[in-house]
Amino acid sequence: MKAVARRRDGYTHDVEIEGGHSIVIDEPGSAGGNDEGPSPTRTVAAALAACTAITCEMYAARKGWELGDVEVEVDAQSGENGTIAGCTVTVSVPEPLDPEQQRRLLVIAGKCPVHRALAGTTPIEISDRIECPTPEG
């Protein structure tokens, strides 16, 4: 999968995501942006919330459990220089679950792909080259 960010104006970027999707990412006005979209770190928190919800829903569907309208809240704590220092994830389901189902759902919630990437199980490599034209001299 691939995502490409292209500058629109200031810190505002149009991000094309493989599969024909696009989103706008920006910084708030207080950080010098135009506030035309969520910041990158807010987008990470949103991705964690959505991925956790989807992972729980998929697991429940395989088990034949009815969860109702799942809601996942991610409270991301700000760290230095705009980083995420940590996240608290709260899963809410309107349908009753027995204690064992609740335990299993919480285990599965911690196994969503975004959670695993943020927890350090996905290596990220920065290419050792920058693609740019050669300066004419």
N, C-alpha and C. Protein backbone atom coordinates (compact mmCIF):
# COMPACT_ATOMS: atom_id res chain seq x y z
N MET A 1 0.85 -1.17 0.00
CA MET A 1 0.00 0.00 0.00
C MET A 1 0.89 1.23 0.00
N LYS A 2 0.38 2.28 -0.56
CA LYS A 2 1.19 3.48 -0.72
C LYS A 2 0.34 4.71 -0.44
N ALA A 3 0.98 5.73 0.13
CA ALA A 3 0.35 7.04 0.32
C ALA A 3 1.36 8.09 -0.15
N VAL A 4 0.86 9.11 -0.83
CA VAL A 4 1.72 10.17 -1.35
C VAL A 4 1.15 11.51 -0.89
N ALA A 5 1.99 12.31 -0.22
CA ALA A 5 1.58 13.65 0.23
C ALA A 5 2.16 14.70 -0.72
N ARG A 6 1.29 15.60 -1.17
CA ARG A 6 1.71 16.69 -2.04
C ARG A 6 1.27 18.00 -1.42
N ARG A 7 2.20 18.93 -1.33
CA ARG A 7 1.92 20.23 -0.73
C ARG A 7 0.89 20.99 -1.55
N ARG A 8 -0.11 21.51 -0.85
CA ARG A 8 -1.11 22.36 -1.47
C ARG A 8 -0.77 23.82 -1.18
N ASP A 9 -0.64 24.16 0.11
CA ASP A 9 -0.36 25.54 0.52
C ASP A 9 0.12 25.50 1.96
N GLY A 10 1.25 26.13 2.24
CA GLY A 10 1.76 26.11 3.61
C GLY A 10 2.00 24.68 4.05
N TYR A 11 1.39 24.32 5.19
CA TYR A 11 1.51 22.94 5.68
C TYR A 11 0.37 22.05 5.21
N THR A 12 -0.55 22.59 4.42
CA THR A 12 -1.68 21.81 3.92
C THR A 12 -1.20 20.87 2.82
N HIS A 13 -1.50 19.59 2.98
CA HIS A 13 -1.11 18.58 2.00
C HIS A 13 -2.31 17.74 1.59
N ASP A 14 -2.39 17.48 0.28
CA ASP A 14 -3.32 16.50 -0.24
C ASP A 14 -2.60 15.17 -0.21
N VAL A 15 -3.23 14.19 0.40
CA VAL A 15 -2.61 12.87 0.51
C VAL A 15 -3.44 11.88 -0.29
N GLU A 16 -2.80 11.30 -1.29
CA GLU A 16 -3.44 10.27 -2.11
C GLU A 16 -3.06 8.92 -1.53
N ILE A 17 -4.07 8.10 -1.35
CA ILE A 17 -3.87 6.78 -0.76
C ILE A 17 -4.24 5.74 -1.80
N GLU A 18 -3.36 4.77 -1.96
CA GLU A 18 -3.59 3.71 -2.93
C GLU A 18 -5.01 3.17 -2.79
N GLY A 19 -5.67 3.00 -3.90
CA GLY A 19 -7.05 2.53 -3.90
C GLY A 19 -8.02 3.63 -4.27
N GLY A 20 -7.48 4.82 -4.61
CA GLY A 20 -8.33 5.89 -5.08
C GLY A 20 -8.90 6.80 -4.00
N HIS A 21 -8.33 6.78 -2.82
CA HIS A 21 -8.82 7.62 -1.73
C HIS A 21 -7.88 8.81 -1.52
N SER A 22 -8.42 9.86 -0.94
CA SER A 22 -7.57 11.01 -0.63
C SER A 22 -8.09 11.70 0.62
N ILE A 23 -7.19 12.33 1.33
CA ILE A 23 -7.52 13.11 2.52
C ILE A 23 -6.64 14.36 2.53
N VAL A 24 -7.06 15.34 3.30
CA VAL A 24 -6.27 16.55 3.49
C VAL A 24 -5.69 16.49 4.90
N ILE A 25 -4.39 16.72 4.99
CA ILE A 25 -3.70 16.76 6.28
C ILE A 25 -3.09 18.15 6.42
N ASP A 26 -3.21 18.73 7.60
CA ASP A 26 -2.72 20.09 7.83
C ASP A 26 -2.36 20.24 9.30
N GLU A 27 -1.86 21.35 9.64
CA GLU A 27 -1.59 21.72 11.02
C GLU A 27 -2.60 22.78 11.44
N PRO A 28 -2.89 22.87 12.73
CA PRO A 28 -3.81 23.92 13.18
C PRO A 28 -3.17 25.30 12.99
N GLY A 29 -4.00 26.32 13.00
CA GLY A 29 -3.51 27.69 12.85
C GLY A 29 -2.47 28.04 13.90
N SER A 30 -2.63 27.53 15.11
CA SER A 30 -1.68 27.83 16.19
C SER A 30 -0.29 27.29 15.92
N ALA A 31 -0.18 26.34 14.98
CA ALA A 31 1.13 25.77 14.61
C ALA A 31 1.58 26.27 13.24
N GLY A 32 0.89 27.28 12.70
CA GLY A 32 1.28 27.85 11.42
C GLY A 32 0.58 27.26 10.22
N GLY A 33 -0.36 26.36 10.46
CA GLY A 33 -1.09 25.74 9.35
C GLY A 33 -2.36 26.50 9.02
N ASN A 34 -3.11 25.96 8.09
CA ASN A 34 -4.38 26.55 7.66
C ASN A 34 -5.59 25.87 8.29
N ASP A 35 -5.36 24.81 9.07
CA ASP A 35 -6.41 24.05 9.74
C ASP A 35 -7.46 23.54 8.77
N GLU A 36 -7.01 23.07 7.60
CA GLU A 36 -7.92 22.54 6.59
C GLU A 36 -8.15 21.04 6.72
N GLY A 37 -7.49 20.43 7.66
CA GLY A 37 -7.65 19.00 7.92
C GLY A 37 -6.97 18.67 9.22
N PRO A 38 -7.10 17.43 9.66
CA PRO A 38 -6.42 17.04 10.90
C PRO A 38 -4.91 17.03 10.73
N SER A 39 -4.21 17.21 11.83
CA SER A 39 -2.75 17.13 11.80
C SER A 39 -2.34 15.66 11.62
N PRO A 40 -1.10 15.41 11.25
CA PRO A 40 -0.65 14.03 11.10
C PRO A 40 -0.86 13.21 12.38
N THR A 41 -0.54 13.77 13.54
CA THR A 41 -0.70 12.99 14.78
C THR A 41 -2.17 12.75 15.11
N ARG A 42 -3.03 13.70 14.81
CA ARG A 42 -4.47 13.48 15.03
C ARG A 42 -4.98 12.39 14.08
N THR A 43 -4.41 12.35 12.88
CA THR A 43 -4.79 11.31 11.93
C THR A 43 -4.35 9.94 12.42
N VAL A 44 -3.21 9.88 13.08
CA VAL A 44 -2.75 8.60 13.65
C VAL A 44 -3.73 8.14 14.72
N ALA A 45 -4.17 9.05 15.59
CA ALA A 45 -5.14 8.70 16.63
C ALA A 45 -6.45 8.22 16.00
N ALA A 46 -6.88 8.90 14.94
CA ALA A 46 -8.11 8.50 14.24
C ALA A 46 -7.95 7.12 13.61
N ALA A 47 -6.78 6.86 13.01
CA ALA A 47 -6.53 5.56 12.40
C ALA A 47 -6.54 4.46 13.46
N LEU A 48 -6.00 4.74 14.63
CA LEU A 48 -6.01 3.75 15.72
C LEU A 48 -7.44 3.48 16.17
N ALA A 49 -8.25 4.52 16.31
CA ALA A 49 -9.64 4.32 16.73
C ALA A 49 -10.40 3.48 15.71
N ALA A 50 -10.29 3.84 14.43
CA ALA A 50 -11.01 3.12 13.38
C ALA A 50 -10.52 1.68 13.26
N CYS A 51 -9.23 1.49 13.29
CA CYS A 51 -8.67 0.15 13.13
C CYS A 51 -9.08 -0.75 14.30
N THR A 52 -9.07 -0.21 15.50
CA THR A 52 -9.49 -0.99 16.66
C THR A 52 -10.95 -1.40 16.53
N ALA A 53 -11.81 -0.45 16.13
CA ALA A 53 -13.24 -0.76 15.97
C ALA A 53 -13.44 -1.84 14.91
N ILE A 54 -12.79 -1.68 13.77
CA ILE A 54 -12.95 -2.64 12.68
C ILE A 54 -12.44 -4.02 13.09
N THR A 55 -11.31 -4.07 13.76
CA THR A 55 -10.73 -5.34 14.20
C THR A 55 -11.68 -6.05 15.16
N CYS A 56 -12.25 -5.31 16.11
CA CYS A 56 -13.21 -5.89 17.05
C CYS A 56 -14.45 -6.38 16.32
N GLU A 57 -14.95 -5.60 15.39
CA GLU A 57 -16.16 -5.98 14.64
C GLU A 57 -15.92 -7.23 13.80
N MET A 58 -14.76 -7.31 13.16
CA MET A 58 -14.44 -8.49 12.34
C MET A 58 -14.36 -9.75 13.22
N TYR A 59 -13.70 -9.61 14.37
CA TYR A 59 -13.56 -10.75 15.29
C TYR A 59 -14.94 -11.20 15.78
N ALA A 60 -15.75 -10.24 16.19
CA ALA A 60 -17.08 -10.57 16.70
C ALA A 60 -17.93 -11.25 15.61
N ALA A 61 -17.83 -10.77 14.38
CA ALA A 61 -18.59 -11.38 13.28
C ALA A 61 -18.18 -12.83 13.08
N ARG A 62 -16.86 -13.11 13.15
CA ARG A 62 -16.38 -14.50 13.00
C ARG A 62 -16.90 -15.38 14.13
N LYS A 63 -17.05 -14.80 15.32
CA LYS A 63 -17.52 -15.57 16.48
C LYS A 63 -19.05 -15.62 16.57
N GLY A 64 -19.73 -14.83 15.72
CA GLY A 64 -21.18 -14.80 15.77
C GLY A 64 -21.73 -13.95 16.91
N TRP A 65 -20.92 -13.02 17.40
CA TRP A 65 -21.36 -12.14 18.49
C TRP A 65 -21.99 -10.88 17.92
N GLU A 66 -23.03 -10.41 18.54
CA GLU A 66 -23.63 -9.14 18.16
C GLU A 66 -23.08 -8.06 19.11
N LEU A 67 -22.40 -7.07 18.54
CA LEU A 67 -21.83 -6.00 19.36
C LEU A 67 -22.67 -4.73 19.32
N GLY A 68 -23.49 -4.57 18.29
CA GLY A 68 -24.19 -3.30 18.10
C GLY A 68 -23.23 -2.29 17.49
N ASP A 69 -23.52 -1.02 17.69
CA ASP A 69 -22.69 0.05 17.13
C ASP A 69 -21.47 0.28 18.02
N VAL A 70 -20.36 -0.31 17.61
CA VAL A 70 -19.10 -0.20 18.37
C VAL A 70 -18.61 1.25 18.32
N GLU A 71 -18.11 1.72 19.43
CA GLU A 71 -17.47 3.04 19.50
C GLU A 71 -16.12 2.87 20.17
N VAL A 72 -15.09 3.42 19.54
CA VAL A 72 -13.75 3.36 20.11
C VAL A 72 -13.24 4.78 20.26
N GLU A 73 -12.86 5.12 21.48
CA GLU A 73 -12.30 6.43 21.77
C GLU A 73 -10.81 6.28 22.01
N VAL A 74 -10.03 7.12 21.35
CA VAL A 74 -8.58 7.14 21.57
C VAL A 74 -8.22 8.50 22.15
N ASP A 75 -7.65 8.47 23.33
CA ASP A 75 -7.15 9.68 23.97
C ASP A 75 -5.64 9.65 23.81
N ALA A 76 -5.12 10.46 22.88
CA ALA A 76 -3.68 10.49 22.60
C ALA A 76 -3.05 11.61 23.42
N GLN A 77 -2.07 11.26 24.22
CA GLN A 77 -1.36 12.25 25.03
C GLN A 77 -0.22 12.85 24.21
N SER A 78 -0.14 14.18 24.25
CA SER A 78 0.89 14.89 23.49
C SER A 78 2.24 14.78 24.17
N GLY A 79 3.24 14.55 23.34
CA GLY A 79 4.62 14.50 23.82
C GLY A 79 5.38 15.71 23.32
N GLU A 80 6.68 15.63 23.36
CA GLU A 80 7.53 16.73 22.90
C GLU A 80 7.48 16.86 21.39
N ASN A 81 7.57 18.10 20.92
CA ASN A 81 7.64 18.39 19.48
C ASN A 81 6.50 17.77 18.67
N GLY A 82 5.30 17.75 19.23
CA GLY A 82 4.15 17.25 18.50
C GLY A 82 4.03 15.74 18.40
N THR A 83 4.87 15.01 19.12
CA THR A 83 4.80 13.56 19.08
C THR A 83 3.65 13.04 19.95
N ILE A 84 3.34 11.78 19.80
CA ILE A 84 2.35 11.13 20.65
C ILE A 84 3.12 10.39 21.74
N ALA A 85 2.87 10.78 22.99
CA ALA A 85 3.56 10.16 24.12
C ALA A 85 2.91 8.85 24.53
N GLY A 86 1.66 8.69 24.22
CA GLY A 86 0.94 7.47 24.57
C GLY A 86 -0.52 7.61 24.22
N CYS A 87 -1.23 6.51 24.24
CA CYS A 87 -2.65 6.51 23.90
C CYS A 87 -3.41 5.63 24.88
N THR A 88 -4.61 6.07 25.21
CA THR A 88 -5.54 5.25 25.96
C THR A 88 -6.71 4.95 25.03
N VAL A 89 -6.99 3.67 24.84
CA VAL A 89 -8.05 3.23 23.94
C VAL A 89 -9.19 2.67 24.78
N THR A 90 -10.40 3.17 24.56
CA THR A 90 -11.59 2.69 25.26
C THR A 90 -12.59 2.17 24.24
N VAL A 91 -12.95 0.90 24.38
CA VAL A 91 -13.91 0.26 23.48
C VAL A 91 -15.27 0.23 24.18
N SER A 92 -16.30 0.70 23.49
CA SER A 92 -17.67 0.65 24.03
C SER A 92 -18.55 -0.11 23.07
N VAL A 93 -19.33 -1.06 23.60
CA VAL A 93 -20.30 -1.80 22.80
C VAL A 93 -21.64 -1.75 23.54
N PRO A 94 -22.73 -1.50 22.81
CA PRO A 94 -24.03 -1.39 23.47
C PRO A 94 -24.67 -2.73 23.83
N GLU A 95 -24.20 -3.82 23.24
CA GLU A 95 -24.78 -5.13 23.53
C GLU A 95 -24.03 -5.79 24.69
N PRO A 96 -24.74 -6.51 25.54
CA PRO A 96 -24.07 -7.16 26.68
C PRO A 96 -23.14 -8.30 26.23
N LEU A 97 -21.99 -8.36 26.88
CA LEU A 97 -21.03 -9.44 26.65
C LEU A 97 -20.70 -10.07 27.99
N ASP A 98 -20.49 -11.39 28.00
CA ASP A 98 -20.09 -12.02 29.26
C ASP A 98 -18.62 -11.71 29.52
N PRO A 99 -18.13 -11.93 30.74
CA PRO A 99 -16.74 -11.57 31.08
C PRO A 99 -15.69 -12.17 30.15
N GLU A 100 -15.89 -13.41 29.70
CA GLU A 100 -14.91 -14.03 28.80
C GLU A 100 -14.92 -13.35 27.44
N GLN A 101 -16.10 -13.00 26.93
CA GLN A 101 -16.18 -12.28 25.66
C GLN A 101 -15.51 -10.91 25.78
N GLN A 102 -15.73 -10.24 26.89
CA GLN A 102 -15.09 -8.93 27.12
C GLN A 102 -13.58 -9.07 27.12
N ARG A 103 -13.08 -10.09 27.82
CA ARG A 103 -11.63 -10.31 27.88
C ARG A 103 -11.06 -10.57 26.49
N ARG A 104 -11.71 -11.43 25.72
CA ARG A 104 -11.24 -11.74 24.37
C ARG A 104 -11.26 -10.51 23.47
N LEU A 105 -12.32 -9.72 23.58
CA LEU A 105 -12.42 -8.53 22.74
C LEU A 105 -11.31 -7.54 23.06
N LEU A 106 -10.97 -7.40 24.34
CA LEU A 106 -9.87 -6.50 24.70
C LEU A 106 -8.53 -7.00 24.18
N VAL A 107 -8.33 -8.31 24.21
CA VAL A 107 -7.09 -8.88 23.66
C VAL A 107 -7.01 -8.59 22.16
N ILE A 108 -8.12 -8.82 21.46
CA ILE A 108 -8.17 -8.58 20.01
C ILE A 108 -7.98 -7.10 19.70
N ALA A 109 -8.55 -6.22 20.52
CA ALA A 109 -8.41 -4.77 20.30
C ALA A 109 -6.93 -4.38 20.25
N GLY A 110 -6.12 -5.01 21.08
CA GLY A 110 -4.69 -4.71 21.12
C GLY A 110 -3.90 -5.32 19.98
N LYS A 111 -4.57 -6.06 19.10
CA LYS A 111 -3.89 -6.70 17.99
C LYS A 111 -4.21 -6.08 16.64
N CYS A 112 -4.90 -4.94 16.63
CA CYS A 112 -5.20 -4.31 15.34
C CYS A 112 -3.88 -3.87 14.70
N PRO A 113 -3.83 -3.84 13.37
CA PRO A 113 -2.57 -3.50 12.68
C PRO A 113 -1.99 -2.14 13.06
N VAL A 114 -2.83 -1.14 13.27
CA VAL A 114 -2.30 0.18 13.63
C VAL A 114 -1.70 0.14 15.04
N HIS A 115 -2.37 -0.53 15.95
CA HIS A 115 -1.83 -0.67 17.31
C HIS A 115 -0.47 -1.35 17.28
N ARG A 116 -0.37 -2.42 16.50
CA ARG A 116 0.90 -3.15 16.41
C ARG A 116 1.99 -2.28 15.81
N ALA A 117 1.65 -1.48 14.80
CA ALA A 117 2.66 -0.60 14.20
C ALA A 117 3.13 0.45 15.21
N LEU A 118 2.18 1.03 15.94
CA LEU A 118 2.55 2.06 16.92
C LEU A 118 3.32 1.47 18.10
N ALA A 119 3.05 0.22 18.41
CA ALA A 119 3.72 -0.44 19.53
C ALA A 119 5.13 -0.89 19.19
N GLY A 120 5.55 -0.64 17.95
CA GLY A 120 6.94 -0.91 17.59
C GLY A 120 7.18 -2.26 16.96
N THR A 121 6.14 -2.94 16.50
CA THR A 121 6.36 -4.24 15.88
C THR A 121 6.48 -4.15 14.37
N THR A 122 6.33 -2.94 13.81
CA THR A 122 6.46 -2.76 12.37
C THR A 122 7.69 -1.90 12.08
N PRO A 123 8.70 -2.46 11.42
CA PRO A 123 9.87 -1.65 11.11
C PRO A 123 9.54 -0.58 10.07
N ILE A 124 10.08 0.59 10.27
CA ILE A 124 9.94 1.69 9.31
C ILE A 124 11.33 2.12 8.91
N GLU A 125 11.57 2.12 7.61
CA GLU A 125 12.89 2.48 7.09
C GLU A 125 12.77 3.78 6.30
N ILE A 126 13.67 4.70 6.55
CA ILE A 126 13.75 5.93 5.77
C ILE A 126 14.78 5.69 4.67
N SER A 127 14.38 5.87 3.44
CA SER A 127 15.28 5.65 2.30
C SER A 127 16.53 6.51 2.47
N ASP A 128 17.65 6.01 2.01
CA ASP A 128 18.91 6.75 2.15
C ASP A 128 19.15 7.73 1.01
N ARG A 129 18.11 8.01 0.24
CA ARG A 129 18.26 8.99 -0.83
C ARG A 129 17.00 9.84 -0.91
N ILE A 130 17.16 11.02 -1.43
CA ILE A 130 16.05 11.94 -1.68
C ILE A 130 15.93 12.09 -3.17
N GLU A 131 14.72 11.95 -3.67
CA GLU A 131 14.49 12.10 -5.10
C GLU A 131 14.30 13.57 -5.40
N CYS A 132 15.21 14.13 -6.19
CA CYS A 132 15.10 15.54 -6.59
C CYS A 132 15.97 15.76 -7.82
N PRO A 133 15.65 16.80 -8.58
CA PRO A 133 16.49 17.08 -9.75
C PRO A 133 17.87 17.53 -9.32
N THR A 134 18.86 17.27 -10.17
CA THR A 134 20.22 17.69 -9.91
C THR A 134 20.32 19.20 -10.18
N PRO A 135 20.91 19.96 -9.23
CA PRO A 135 21.05 21.40 -9.48
C PRO A 135 21.93 21.68 -10.69
N GLU A 136 21.51 22.62 -11.47
CA GLU A 136 22.32 23.00 -12.63
C GLU A 136 23.35 24.01 -12.18
N GLY A 137 24.51 23.84 -12.68
CA GLY A 137 25.53 24.63 -12.12
C GLY A 137 26.32 25.49 -12.89
